[in-house]
C-alpha atoms as a PDB file:
ATOM      1  CA  MET A   1       3.709  10.517   2.963  1.00  0.00           C
ATOM      2  CA  HIS A   2       5.054   7.456   1.230  1.00  0.00           C
ATOM      3  CA  VAL A   3       3.930   4.166   2.767  1.00  0.00           C
ATOM      4  CA  VAL A   4       4.810   0.582   1.900  1.00  0.00           C
ATOM      5  CA  VAL A   5       1.934  -1.680   2.924  1.00  0.00           C
ATOM      6  CA  THR A   6       2.427  -5.418   3.326  1.00  0.00           C
ATOM      7  CA  TYR A   7      -0.179  -7.951   4.298  1.00  0.00           C
ATOM      8  CA  ASP A   8      -0.493 -11.582   5.286  1.00  0.00           C
ATOM      9  CA  ILE A   9      -4.147 -12.606   5.012  1.00  0.00           C
ATOM     10  CA  SER A  10      -5.054 -16.245   5.553  1.00  0.00           C
ATOM     11  CA  GLU A  11      -8.374 -16.388   3.673  1.00  0.00           C
ATOM     12  CA  ASP A  12      -8.652 -15.848  -0.101  1.00  0.00           C
ATOM     13  CA  LYS A  13     -11.892 -13.845   0.083  1.00  0.00           C
ATOM     14  CA  ARG A  14     -10.512 -11.396   2.677  1.00  0.00           C
ATOM     15  CA  ARG A  15      -7.191 -11.191   0.852  1.00  0.00           C
ATOM     16  CA  THR A  16      -9.026 -10.198  -2.340  1.00  0.00           C
ATOM     17  CA  LYS A  17     -10.946  -7.474  -0.463  1.00  0.00           C
ATOM     18  CA  ILE A  18      -7.712  -6.135   1.037  1.00  0.00           C
ATOM     19  CA  HIS A  19      -6.060  -6.138  -2.397  1.00  0.00           C
ATOM     20  CA  LYS A  20      -8.992  -4.241  -3.954  1.00  0.00           C
ATOM     21  CA  ALA A  21      -9.010  -1.693  -1.134  1.00  0.00           C
ATOM     22  CA  LEU A  22      -5.279  -1.059  -1.512  1.00  0.00           C
ATOM     23  CA  THR A  23      -5.590  -0.729  -5.292  1.00  0.00           C
ATOM     24  CA  SER A  24      -7.673   2.396  -4.666  1.00  0.00           C
ATOM     25  CA  TYR A  25      -4.794   3.981  -2.732  1.00  0.00           C
ATOM     26  CA  GLY A  26      -1.543   2.797  -4.262  1.00  0.00           C
ATOM     27  CA  GLN A  27       0.387   0.673  -6.709  1.00  0.00           C
ATOM     28  CA  TRP A  28       0.644  -3.092  -6.405  1.00  0.00           C
ATOM     29  CA  MET A  29       4.352  -3.963  -6.477  1.00  0.00           C
ATOM     30  CA  GLN A  30       4.560  -7.628  -5.417  1.00  0.00           C
ATOM     31  CA  PHE A  31       2.138 -10.318  -4.259  1.00  0.00           C
ATOM     32  CA  SER A  32       1.372  -8.757  -0.876  1.00  0.00           C
ATOM     33  CA  VAL A  33       3.114  -5.397  -1.221  1.00  0.00           C
ATOM     34  CA  PHE A  34       1.738  -2.001  -2.193  1.00  0.00           C
ATOM     35  CA  GLU A  35       3.440   1.384  -2.407  1.00  0.00           C
ATOM     36  CA  CYS A  36       1.184   4.330  -1.606  1.00  0.00           C
ATOM     37  CA  SER A  37       1.642   8.102  -1.653  1.00  0.00           C
ATOM     38  CA  LEU A  38      -0.981   9.337   0.789  1.00  0.00           C
ATOM     39  CA  THR A  39      -2.140  12.401   2.616  1.00  0.00           C
ATOM     40  CA  ASN A  40      -2.814  12.072   6.338  1.00  0.00           C
ATOM     41  CA  THR A  41      -6.548  11.899   5.600  1.00  0.00           C
ATOM     42  CA  GLN A  42      -6.126   9.206   2.951  1.00  0.00           C
ATOM     43  CA  TYR A  43      -3.951   7.174   5.315  1.00  0.00           C
ATOM     44  CA  ALA A  44      -6.539   7.403   8.087  1.00  0.00           C
ATOM     45  CA  LYS A  45      -9.318   6.310   5.720  1.00  0.00           C
ATOM     46  CA  LEU A  46      -7.242   3.429   4.330  1.00  0.00           C
ATOM     47  CA  ARG A  47      -6.209   2.221   7.784  1.00  0.00           C
ATOM     48  CA  ASN A  48      -9.808   2.340   8.992  1.00  0.00           C
ATOM     49  CA  ARG A  49     -11.073   0.463   5.933  1.00  0.00           C
ATOM     50  CA  LEU A  50      -8.427  -2.254   6.231  1.00  0.00           C
ATOM     51  CA  ASN A  51      -9.077  -2.602   9.944  1.00  0.00           C
ATOM     52  CA  GLN A  52     -12.737  -3.330   9.180  1.00  0.00           C
ATOM     53  CA  LEU A  53     -11.839  -6.011   6.626  1.00  0.00           C
ATOM     54  CA  ILE A  54      -9.372  -8.134   8.585  1.00  0.00           C
ATOM     55  CA  LYS A  55      -9.614 -10.649  11.391  1.00  0.00           C
ATOM     56  CA  PRO A  56      -6.911  -9.369  13.780  1.00  0.00           C
ATOM     57  CA  ASP A  57      -6.329 -12.778  15.340  1.00  0.00           C
ATOM     58  CA  GLU A  58      -5.616 -14.349  11.911  1.00  0.00           C
ATOM     59  CA  ASP A  59      -4.395 -11.549   9.620  1.00  0.00           C
ATOM     60  CA  SER A  60      -1.573  -9.034   9.635  1.00  0.00           C
ATOM     61  CA  ILE A  61      -1.070  -5.726   7.840  1.00  0.00           C
ATOM     62  CA  ARG A  62       2.079  -3.643   8.237  1.00  0.00           C
ATOM     63  CA  PHE A  63       2.728  -0.031   7.259  1.00  0.00           C
ATOM     64  CA  TYR A  64       6.304   1.104   6.596  1.00  0.00           C
ATOM     65  CA  PHE A  65       6.712   4.875   6.299  1.00  0.00           C
ATOM     66  CA  LEU A  66       9.509   6.162   4.082  1.00  0.00           C
ATOM     67  CA  CYS A  67      10.809   9.706   4.316  1.00  0.00           C
ATOM     68  CA  GLU A  68      11.645  11.538   1.098  1.00  0.00           C
ATOM     69  CA  CYS A  69      15.351  10.826   1.583  1.00  0.00           C
ATOM     70  CA  CYS A  70      14.691   7.100   2.090  1.00  0.00           C
ATOM     71  CA  GLN A  71      12.500   6.928  -1.025  1.00  0.00           C
ATOM     72  CA  LYS A  72      15.504   7.929  -3.113  1.00  0.00           C
ATOM     73  CA  LYS A  73      17.465   4.995  -1.668  1.00  0.00           C
ATOM     74  CA  VAL A  74      15.015   2.335  -2.857  1.00  0.00           C
ATOM     75  CA  GLU A  75      16.566   0.127  -5.526  1.00  0.00           C
ATOM     76  CA  ARG A  76      14.631  -2.111  -7.876  1.00  0.00           C
ATOM     77  CA  ILE A  77      15.667  -4.940 -10.148  1.00  0.00           C
ATOM     78  CA  GLY A  78      12.965  -6.090 -12.543  1.00  0.00           C
ATOM     79  CA  GLY A  79       9.269  -6.041 -11.816  1.00  0.00           C
ATOM     80  CA  GLU A  80       6.726  -3.401 -12.623  1.00  0.00           C
ATOM     81  CA  LEU A  81       7.927   0.160 -13.110  1.00  0.00           C
ATOM     82  CA  VAL A  82       6.845   2.661 -10.516  1.00  0.00           C
ATOM     83  CA  ARG A  83       3.865   4.668 -11.719  1.00  0.00           C
ATOM     84  CA  ASP A  84       4.421   8.421 -11.948  1.00  0.00           C
ATOM     85  CA  ASP A  85       1.214  10.174 -10.880  1.00  0.00           C
ATOM     86  CA  THR A  86       2.710  13.653 -11.185  1.00  0.00           C
ATOM     87  CA  VAL A  87       0.383  16.044 -12.982  1.00  0.00           C
ATOM     88  CA  PHE A  88       1.839  18.964 -14.901  1.00  0.00           C
ATOM     89  CA  PHE A  89      -0.151  21.932 -16.178  1.00  0.00           C
ATOM     90  CA  ALA A  90       1.205  24.078 -18.994  1.00  0.00           C
END
């Protein structure tokens, strides 16, 4: 599944922990935006980890799921190129 994760974390220390956690699962695209290609298991682990790091009354994390068709409709102008993690064996 392809997931866009956005976050609004009020405290620098927690925000840094969230950023580091997301770096293990996806590509940082903008200040508080990551794009992740995840299995169901990876998503469950990521969601659990993030849930442990935030203060729900102060912080917010959102997950936007994109189907394969919708992924092809994403347009970009500038910024970092999308990383291609495809592995080919010859």
